[in-house]
Amino acid sequence: MRQILAHLRTLARRLILSCLLAASVTIPATASAKPMILATIAQLGEPMSRILGNCATVETLLGPGVDPHLYRLTRSDVAKALRADGLMANGLNLEAQMRDMFDRMSARKPVIYAGELLDPSKIVLTGGVVPDPHIWMDPRLWAEALSASATAIAKAFPECAPNVSQNQATVLAEIAAVDAYIEARVATLPPSARVLATAHDAFGYFGKRYGMKVLGVQGISTESEAGVAHIRDMAQIILDRRIAAVFVETSTAARAVDAVIEGARALGATVTKGPALFSDAMGPPGTYEGGYVGMLDHNATSVVRALGGDAPERGLNGRLNIPRQHKDTSG
């Protein structure tokens, strides 16, 4: 019975979406002379709003703590996308539930998939097949994606071209600075400590860029569940490699990480739960961690300090306020 009800709900959502798309020609365009650009994730929306400046209004669809892998569009989301003059998404199957709608809207407005503007050879393929969408974890790669997206926006909205030329260099320079900071801080970790264990495989590009082995309790999508055998294997790795901390994420549940830590402690490991990292979502808008550079600063500083490396408590720009760890080793 539950399967039937779930199927009916899915059909109802599709019917509502089809009706809204069919009626989209009747929805008035933005009254302001400024185009409104709707970005799916803040990793796109925040830096692009700075690059575009006052030539456009950039809004972000998914807020803090929201998991894009699992998110289901609401009717208000659809209406907002229909009213937007342009859409920006990461692509690479991150926003799988939105792809069909965005592709259909591309006949009426610019739709930019930032990750898909990159050279395909730079995209990590999990298992040699499935693209890893979390490219913002490599600042150099994300800077390329932002630059290509800004060029596409300037082409679609020529009035924004001067702003892109004026603002892009500043934003990219800030990203380059945090990239250099992360590289230097990770280098203070002994090679044996360069293991990043997190809730799901969102940090693959981070690990590749900075030479860290990455272990995820779940796969690249949070739709996958962590099995008992995988949790047991991770617990054993934590013991064998003397990993000091395992990290939860702000956009995923902590259950699987707690199970790994409990299992590792039962085996005799001394391991803590590190500060929550920003993976698929950033911090609250208007905060330092709500910006792309602040997100990266928070993650890198948290990881390096928790694993025994050298990083300033307040981070690169002296603006972090990371909660202190409680070194509870009870189990």
Protein backbone atom coordinates (compact mmCIF):
# COMPACT_ATOMS: atom_id res chain seq x y z
CA MET A 1 0.00 0.00 0.00
CA ARG A 2 2.84 2.39 0.86
CA GLN A 3 4.46 1.76 -2.51
CA ILE A 4 1.20 2.62 -4.27
CA LEU A 5 0.85 5.85 -2.28
CA ALA A 6 4.45 6.80 -3.00
CA HIS A 7 3.88 6.17 -6.70
CA LEU A 8 0.74 8.31 -6.64
CA ARG A 9 2.63 11.14 -4.92
CA THR A 10 5.35 10.97 -7.58
CA LEU A 11 2.75 11.11 -10.35
CA ALA A 12 1.05 14.06 -8.67
CA ARG A 13 4.35 15.98 -8.44
CA ARG A 14 5.03 15.34 -12.11
CA LEU A 15 1.54 16.47 -13.06
CA ILE A 16 1.90 19.70 -11.08
CA LEU A 17 5.31 20.35 -12.65
CA SER A 18 3.97 19.71 -16.15
CA CYS A 19 1.05 22.08 -15.57
CA LEU A 20 3.31 24.82 -14.24
CA LEU A 21 5.73 24.45 -17.13
CA ALA A 22 2.89 24.50 -19.64
CA ALA A 23 1.55 27.67 -18.06
CA SER A 24 4.93 29.34 -17.73
CA VAL A 25 4.33 31.67 -20.65
CA THR A 26 1.68 33.39 -18.53
CA ILE A 27 4.01 34.07 -15.60
CA PRO A 28 5.25 37.66 -15.85
CA ALA A 29 8.96 38.29 -16.20
CA THR A 30 10.87 40.12 -13.53
CA ALA A 31 9.58 43.68 -13.33
CA SER A 32 13.04 45.07 -12.55
CA ALA A 33 15.45 45.90 -15.34
CA LYS A 34 17.97 43.69 -13.54
CA PRO A 35 17.90 40.01 -14.55
CA MET A 36 17.28 37.53 -11.74
CA ILE A 37 19.60 34.53 -11.78
CA LEU A 38 18.61 31.51 -9.68
CA ALA A 39 21.47 29.26 -8.51
CA THR A 40 20.79 25.85 -7.03
CA ILE A 41 23.60 25.85 -4.43
CA ALA A 42 25.32 28.60 -2.46
CA GLN A 43 28.75 27.47 -3.66
CA LEU A 44 27.60 28.95 -6.98
CA GLY A 45 25.26 31.67 -5.80
CA GLU A 46 27.54 33.46 -3.33
CA PRO A 47 30.63 33.94 -5.51
CA MET A 48 28.55 34.60 -8.63
CA SER A 49 26.59 37.33 -6.82
CA ARG A 50 29.91 39.04 -6.08
CA ILE A 51 31.18 38.63 -9.64
CA LEU A 52 27.96 39.96 -11.18
CA GLY A 53 27.59 42.75 -8.63
CA ASN A 54 24.72 45.17 -9.19
CA CYS A 55 24.00 44.10 -12.77
CA ALA A 56 21.88 41.14 -11.64
CA THR A 57 20.09 39.71 -8.64
CA VAL A 58 21.41 36.27 -7.72
CA GLU A 59 19.27 34.05 -5.50
CA THR A 60 20.10 30.61 -4.11
CA LEU A 61 17.50 27.86 -4.06
CA LEU A 62 18.98 25.52 -1.43
CA GLY A 63 19.89 26.95 1.96
CA PRO A 64 22.17 25.88 4.83
CA GLY A 65 21.96 22.23 5.84
CA VAL A 66 20.00 21.20 2.74
CA ASP A 67 21.17 18.07 0.92
CA PRO A 68 20.89 18.57 -2.87
CA HIS A 69 21.09 14.80 -3.48
CA LEU A 70 17.80 14.24 -1.67
CA TYR A 71 16.01 17.55 -2.19
CA ARG A 72 12.55 17.51 -3.79
CA LEU A 73 11.31 20.65 -5.49
CA THR A 74 8.26 22.38 -4.05
CA ARG A 75 5.69 24.27 -6.07
CA SER A 76 7.16 27.56 -4.85
CA ASP A 77 10.60 26.41 -6.06
CA VAL A 78 9.17 25.68 -9.49
CA ALA A 79 7.46 29.07 -9.58
CA LYS A 80 10.72 30.79 -8.60
CA ALA A 81 12.60 28.95 -11.35
CA LEU A 82 9.94 29.94 -13.87
CA ARG A 83 10.21 33.61 -12.88
CA ALA A 84 14.02 33.61 -13.07
CA ASP A 85 15.70 35.07 -16.13
CA GLY A 86 18.50 32.51 -15.95
CA LEU A 87 19.36 29.35 -14.02
CA MET A 88 22.69 28.07 -12.72
CA ALA A 89 23.32 24.57 -11.41
CA ASN A 90 26.33 22.42 -10.64
CA GLY A 91 25.22 19.62 -12.92
CA LEU A 92 27.02 16.25 -13.01
CA ASN A 93 23.91 14.71 -11.46
CA LEU A 94 24.15 16.67 -8.19
CA GLU A 95 20.66 18.11 -8.66
CA ALA A 96 19.24 14.96 -10.24
CA GLN A 97 15.67 15.76 -9.16
CA MET A 98 15.78 19.11 -10.95
CA ARG A 99 17.52 18.16 -14.18
CA ASP A 100 14.43 17.36 -16.24
CA MET A 101 12.76 20.64 -15.31
CA PHE A 102 15.88 22.72 -15.97
CA ASP A 103 16.47 21.05 -19.33
CA ARG A 104 12.90 21.83 -20.37
CA MET A 105 13.26 25.44 -19.25
CA SER A 106 16.46 25.83 -21.29
CA ALA A 107 14.30 26.35 -24.38
CA ARG A 108 13.10 29.66 -22.84
CA LYS A 109 16.04 30.96 -20.78
CA PRO A 110 19.78 30.43 -20.25
CA VAL A 111 20.55 27.36 -18.12
CA ILE A 112 24.19 26.96 -17.07
CA TYR A 113 25.65 23.76 -15.60
CA ALA A 114 28.91 24.96 -14.08
CA GLY A 115 30.54 21.58 -13.63
CA GLU A 116 29.78 20.57 -17.18
CA LEU A 117 31.66 23.58 -18.57
CA LEU A 118 34.94 22.03 -17.41
CA ASP A 119 37.19 19.80 -19.47
CA PRO A 120 35.68 16.31 -18.93
CA SER A 121 39.15 14.93 -18.23
CA LYS A 122 39.18 16.94 -14.97
CA ILE A 123 36.04 15.26 -13.64
CA VAL A 124 36.64 12.39 -11.22
CA LEU A 125 34.72 9.25 -12.16
CA THR A 126 33.77 7.02 -9.26
CA GLY A 127 34.25 3.43 -10.27
CA GLY A 128 35.39 4.77 -13.62
CA VAL A 129 31.79 5.54 -14.56
CA VAL A 130 29.84 7.84 -12.21
CA PRO A 131 30.95 11.52 -12.19
CA ASP A 132 31.71 12.96 -8.76
CA PRO A 133 29.81 16.29 -8.71
CA HIS A 134 31.56 17.87 -5.69
CA ILE A 135 34.04 19.88 -7.74
CA TRP A 136 33.87 22.96 -5.45
CA MET A 137 36.08 21.00 -3.01
CA ASP A 138 39.03 21.80 -5.29
CA PRO A 139 39.30 25.62 -5.29
CA ARG A 140 41.36 25.75 -8.46
CA LEU A 141 38.85 23.63 -10.34
CA TRP A 142 35.91 25.61 -8.95
CA ALA A 143 37.56 28.87 -9.96
CA GLU A 144 37.61 27.55 -13.53
CA ALA A 145 33.94 26.61 -13.31
CA LEU A 146 33.01 30.02 -11.91
CA SER A 147 34.99 31.82 -14.59
CA ALA A 148 33.33 29.78 -17.36
CA SER A 149 29.90 30.38 -15.79
CA ALA A 150 30.54 34.13 -15.55
CA THR A 151 31.52 34.19 -19.23
CA ALA A 152 28.29 32.38 -20.11
CA ILE A 153 26.23 34.84 -18.04
CA ALA A 154 27.96 37.82 -19.69
CA LYS A 155 27.15 36.35 -23.10
CA ALA A 156 23.49 35.81 -22.19
CA PHE A 157 23.18 39.18 -20.44
CA PRO A 158 25.64 41.61 -22.14
CA GLU A 159 24.85 44.33 -19.61
CA CYS A 160 26.73 42.21 -17.06
CA ALA A 161 29.94 41.94 -19.08
CA PRO A 162 31.56 45.07 -17.51
CA ASN A 163 30.85 43.80 -13.99
CA VAL A 164 32.31 40.40 -14.78
CA SER A 165 35.48 42.04 -16.13
CA GLN A 166 35.77 44.29 -13.07
CA ASN A 167 34.89 41.86 -10.26
CA GLN A 168 36.02 38.43 -11.37
CA ALA A 169 39.74 38.94 -10.69
CA THR A 170 39.10 39.93 -7.06
CA VAL A 171 36.94 36.89 -6.34
CA LEU A 172 39.37 34.50 -8.04
CA ALA A 173 42.31 36.02 -6.14
CA GLU A 174 40.55 35.32 -2.83
CA ILE A 175 39.97 31.72 -3.91
CA ALA A 176 43.63 31.38 -4.88
CA ALA A 177 44.64 32.69 -1.43
CA VAL A 178 42.54 30.14 0.45
CA ASP A 179 43.83 27.40 -1.85
CA ALA A 180 47.43 28.31 -0.95
CA TYR A 181 46.49 28.43 2.74
CA ILE A 182 44.97 24.95 2.64
CA GLU A 183 47.96 23.51 0.82
CA ALA A 184 50.35 24.96 3.41
CA ARG A 185 48.27 23.82 6.40
CA VAL A 186 47.81 20.25 5.13
CA ALA A 187 51.57 20.06 4.61
CA THR A 188 51.98 20.37 8.41
CA LEU A 189 50.27 16.99 8.87
CA PRO A 190 52.52 13.93 8.99
CA PRO A 191 51.88 11.79 5.87
CA SER A 192 50.36 9.05 8.03
CA ALA A 193 47.77 11.52 9.39
CA ARG A 194 46.56 12.70 5.98
CA VAL A 195 43.37 10.67 6.09
CA LEU A 196 40.00 12.44 5.97
CA ALA A 197 37.11 10.29 7.18
CA THR A 198 33.69 11.89 6.66
CA ALA A 199 30.00 11.12 6.42
CA HIS A 200 29.93 10.68 2.63
CA ASP A 201 32.29 10.88 -0.34
CA ALA A 202 32.00 14.64 -0.88
CA PHE A 203 35.71 15.35 -0.35
CA GLY A 204 37.27 13.37 -3.20
CA TYR A 205 38.41 16.49 -5.07
CA PHE A 206 39.75 17.96 -1.81
CA GLY A 207 41.77 14.82 -1.20
CA LYS A 208 43.10 14.74 -4.75
CA ARG A 209 44.11 18.42 -4.65
CA TYR A 210 45.88 18.31 -1.26
CA GLY A 211 47.19 14.74 -1.12
CA MET A 212 44.81 13.30 1.47
CA LYS A 213 43.21 9.88 1.44
CA VAL A 214 39.44 10.28 1.78
CA LEU A 215 37.12 7.75 3.40
CA GLY A 216 33.36 8.21 3.17
CA VAL A 217 30.87 6.28 5.27
CA GLN A 218 28.39 6.72 2.41
CA GLY A 219 29.01 7.02 -1.34
CA ILE A 220 29.15 10.19 -3.47
CA SER A 221 25.37 10.49 -3.12
CA THR A 222 23.73 10.52 0.31
CA GLU A 223 20.97 8.38 -1.20
CA SER A 224 23.25 5.36 -0.66
CA GLU A 225 23.15 3.73 2.76
CA ALA A 226 26.20 2.64 4.71
CA GLY A 227 26.11 -1.12 5.29
CA VAL A 228 27.18 -2.85 8.47
CA ALA A 229 30.19 -4.44 6.76
CA HIS A 230 31.40 -1.07 5.44
CA ILE A 231 31.04 0.53 8.88
CA ARG A 232 33.00 -2.34 10.41
CA ASP A 233 35.73 -2.00 7.77
CA MET A 234 36.01 1.74 8.37
CA ALA A 235 36.27 1.18 12.12
CA GLN A 236 39.15 -1.21 11.53
CA ILE A 237 40.92 1.30 9.24
CA ILE A 238 40.58 3.99 11.90
CA LEU A 239 42.22 1.67 14.43
CA ASP A 240 44.97 0.48 12.07
CA ARG A 241 45.88 3.95 10.80
CA ARG A 242 45.38 5.69 14.15
CA ILE A 243 43.03 8.25 12.64
CA ALA A 244 42.42 10.93 15.27
CA ALA A 245 39.01 12.22 14.14
CA VAL A 246 36.01 11.41 11.98
CA PHE A 247 33.93 14.30 10.68
CA VAL A 248 30.19 14.77 10.39
CA GLU A 249 28.73 17.14 7.80
CA THR A 250 26.17 19.89 8.20
CA SER A 251 23.92 18.52 5.45
CA THR A 252 23.88 14.84 6.43
CA ALA A 253 22.71 12.86 9.45
CA ALA A 254 25.37 11.89 11.98
CA ARG A 255 24.09 8.34 12.59
CA ALA A 256 26.55 6.52 10.33
CA VAL A 257 29.54 8.53 11.61
CA ASP A 258 28.50 7.83 15.20
CA ALA A 259 28.33 4.11 14.37
CA VAL A 260 31.84 4.17 12.89
CA ILE A 261 33.27 5.99 15.90
CA GLU A 262 31.52 3.60 18.29
CA GLY A 263 32.85 0.62 16.36
CA ALA A 264 36.40 2.00 16.28
CA ARG A 265 36.37 2.69 20.00
CA ALA A 266 35.11 -0.83 20.67
CA LEU A 267 38.20 -2.08 18.85
CA GLY A 268 40.41 0.09 21.07
CA ALA A 269 40.87 3.17 18.91
CA THR A 270 41.20 6.65 20.38
CA VAL A 271 39.13 8.78 18.04
CA THR A 272 37.02 11.92 18.35
CA LYS A 273 34.15 13.37 16.37
CA GLY A 274 35.59 16.38 14.57
CA PRO A 275 33.77 19.67 13.97
CA ALA A 276 30.95 19.47 11.42
CA LEU A 277 32.22 20.19 7.91
CA PHE A 278 30.41 21.99 5.12
CA SER A 279 30.05 19.63 2.17
CA ASP A 280 26.92 19.93 0.03
CA ALA A 281 25.78 23.13 1.73
CA MET A 282 27.52 26.21 3.17
CA GLY A 283 26.89 28.21 6.32
CA PRO A 284 24.07 30.73 6.91
CA PRO A 285 23.94 33.62 4.40
CA GLY A 286 25.73 36.71 5.64
CA THR A 287 28.18 34.78 7.83
CA TYR A 288 31.83 34.14 6.98
CA GLU A 289 31.12 30.42 6.58
CA GLY A 290 28.18 31.35 4.35
CA GLY A 291 30.73 32.45 1.73
CA TYR A 292 32.71 30.06 -0.44
CA VAL A 293 36.11 31.15 0.93
CA GLY A 294 34.84 30.95 4.52
CA MET A 295 33.44 27.48 3.90
CA LEU A 296 36.81 26.24 2.65
CA ASP A 297 38.68 27.99 5.48
CA HIS A 298 36.39 26.37 8.06
CA ASN A 299 36.76 22.91 6.57
CA ALA A 300 40.54 22.98 6.15
CA THR A 301 41.26 24.59 9.52
CA SER A 302 38.92 22.13 11.29
CA VAL A 303 40.46 19.11 9.59
CA VAL A 304 44.09 20.08 10.09
CA ARG A 305 43.67 21.00 13.75
CA ALA A 306 41.64 17.88 14.56
CA LEU A 307 44.20 15.60 12.88
CA GLY A 308 47.13 17.14 14.75
CA GLY A 309 48.47 19.65 12.23
CA ASP A 310 49.26 23.33 12.57
CA ALA A 311 46.53 25.83 11.66
CA PRO A 312 45.49 29.08 13.36
CA GLU A 313 42.42 28.66 15.54
CA ARG A 314 40.66 31.54 13.76
CA GLY A 315 41.66 30.42 10.28
CA LEU A 316 43.13 32.22 7.29
CA ASN A 317 41.32 35.51 7.78
CA GLY A 318 40.88 35.45 11.56
CA ARG A 319 37.10 35.09 11.27
CA LEU A 320 36.41 31.49 12.26
CA ASN A 321 34.74 30.41 15.48
CA ILE A 322 35.08 26.62 15.39
CA PRO A 323 33.69 24.83 18.48
CA ARG A 324 36.36 23.13 20.54
CA GLN A 325 36.48 19.35 20.37
CA HIS A 326 35.53 17.24 23.34
CA LYS A 327 38.11 14.47 23.45
CA ASP A 328 35.72 11.86 24.76
CA THR A 329 37.24 8.43 24.29
CA SER A 330 34.61 6.51 26.20
CA GLY A 331 32.82 3.84 24.33
